[in-house]
Amino acid sequence: MKTAFITLALPIPSTIAELHAAIETALNHHGEPLRWAITRIENDTAHIEAIVTTA
């Protein structure tokens, strides 16, 4: 198992539930998320940092 540090920039949807789902979906493309955090908000974009595991 390997770990990787991932950064993402996603547009902010209209609800928190949609934002959470969008983050989880985007992270799953890179591996299994161990932890993630929204580190910055700029205009209508959320910046996320995460640690994911891959096989």
C-alpha atoms as a PDB file:
ATOM      1  CA  MET A   1       0.000   0.000   0.000  1.00  0.00           C
ATOM      2  CA  LYS A   2       1.260   3.464  -0.900  1.00  0.00           C
ATOM      3  CA  THR A   3       0.147   6.849   0.362  1.00  0.00           C
ATOM      4  CA  ALA A   4      -0.027  10.026  -1.687  1.00  0.00           C
ATOM      5  CA  PHE A   5      -0.589  13.692  -0.920  1.00  0.00           C
ATOM      6  CA  ILE A   6      -3.285  15.127  -3.207  1.00  0.00           C
ATOM      7  CA  THR A   7      -4.397  18.721  -3.764  1.00  0.00           C
ATOM      8  CA  LEU A   8      -7.634  19.596  -5.539  1.00  0.00           C
ATOM      9  CA  ALA A   9      -9.496  22.737  -6.517  1.00  0.00           C
ATOM     10  CA  LEU A  10     -13.247  22.259  -6.885  1.00  0.00           C
ATOM     11  CA  PRO A  11     -16.081  24.682  -7.607  1.00  0.00           C
ATOM     12  CA  ILE A  12     -18.303  25.209  -4.589  1.00  0.00           C
ATOM     13  CA  PRO A  13     -21.841  23.858  -5.172  1.00  0.00           C
ATOM     14  CA  SER A  14     -24.941  25.331  -3.565  1.00  0.00           C
ATOM     15  CA  THR A  15     -25.074  23.030  -0.490  1.00  0.00           C
ATOM     16  CA  ILE A  16     -22.591  21.561   1.963  1.00  0.00           C
ATOM     17  CA  ALA A  17     -23.854  18.037   1.227  1.00  0.00           C
ATOM     18  CA  GLU A  18     -23.111  18.513  -2.485  1.00  0.00           C
ATOM     19  CA  LEU A  19     -19.629  19.852  -1.658  1.00  0.00           C
ATOM     20  CA  HIS A  20     -18.876  16.856   0.572  1.00  0.00           C
ATOM     21  CA  ALA A  21     -20.049  14.442  -2.142  1.00  0.00           C
ATOM     22  CA  ALA A  22     -17.994  16.239  -4.808  1.00  0.00           C
ATOM     23  CA  ILE A  23     -14.858  16.066  -2.646  1.00  0.00           C
ATOM     24  CA  GLU A  24     -15.325  12.358  -1.895  1.00  0.00           C
ATOM     25  CA  THR A  25     -15.954  11.569  -5.573  1.00  0.00           C
ATOM     26  CA  ALA A  26     -12.897  13.520  -6.731  1.00  0.00           C
ATOM     27  CA  LEU A  27     -10.653  11.908  -4.119  1.00  0.00           C
ATOM     28  CA  ASN A  28     -11.842   8.393  -4.949  1.00  0.00           C
ATOM     29  CA  HIS A  29     -10.381   8.858  -8.443  1.00  0.00           C
ATOM     30  CA  HIS A  30      -6.934   9.053  -6.811  1.00  0.00           C
ATOM     31  CA  GLY A  31      -7.316   6.270  -4.215  1.00  0.00           C
ATOM     32  CA  GLU A  32      -8.944   5.613  -0.841  1.00  0.00           C
ATOM     33  CA  PRO A  33      -9.034   8.848   1.207  1.00  0.00           C
ATOM     34  CA  LEU A  34      -7.526   8.595   4.697  1.00  0.00           C
ATOM     35  CA  ARG A  35      -8.126  12.215   5.581  1.00  0.00           C
ATOM     36  CA  TRP A  36      -8.858  15.464   3.822  1.00  0.00           C
ATOM     37  CA  ALA A  37      -9.376  19.125   4.655  1.00  0.00           C
ATOM     38  CA  ILE A  38     -10.592  22.247   2.941  1.00  0.00           C
ATOM     39  CA  THR A  39      -7.562  24.485   3.301  1.00  0.00           C
ATOM     40  CA  ARG A  40      -8.649  27.595   1.420  1.00  0.00           C
ATOM     41  CA  ILE A  41     -11.668  29.205  -0.208  1.00  0.00           C
ATOM     42  CA  GLU A  42     -11.060  31.591  -3.111  1.00  0.00           C
ATOM     43  CA  ASN A  43     -14.019  33.164  -4.847  1.00  0.00           C
ATOM     44  CA  ASP A  44     -16.177  30.129  -5.779  1.00  0.00           C
ATOM     45  CA  THR A  45     -13.417  27.515  -5.443  1.00  0.00           C
ATOM     46  CA  ALA A  46     -12.592  25.228  -2.523  1.00  0.00           C
ATOM     47  CA  HIS A  47      -8.994  24.035  -2.243  1.00  0.00           C
ATOM     48  CA  ILE A  48      -8.621  20.598  -0.682  1.00  0.00           C
ATOM     49  CA  GLU A  49      -5.561  18.757   0.613  1.00  0.00           C
ATOM     50  CA  ALA A  50      -5.797  15.013   1.244  1.00  0.00           C
ATOM     51  CA  ILE A  51      -3.878  11.851   1.979  1.00  0.00           C
ATOM     52  CA  VAL A  52      -5.033   8.831  -0.055  1.00  0.00           C
ATOM     53  CA  THR A  53      -3.884   5.216  -0.213  1.00  0.00           C
ATOM     54  CA  THR A  54      -3.381   3.169  -3.353  1.00  0.00           C
ATOM     55  CA  ALA A  55      -2.684  -0.516  -3.862  1.00  0.00           C
END
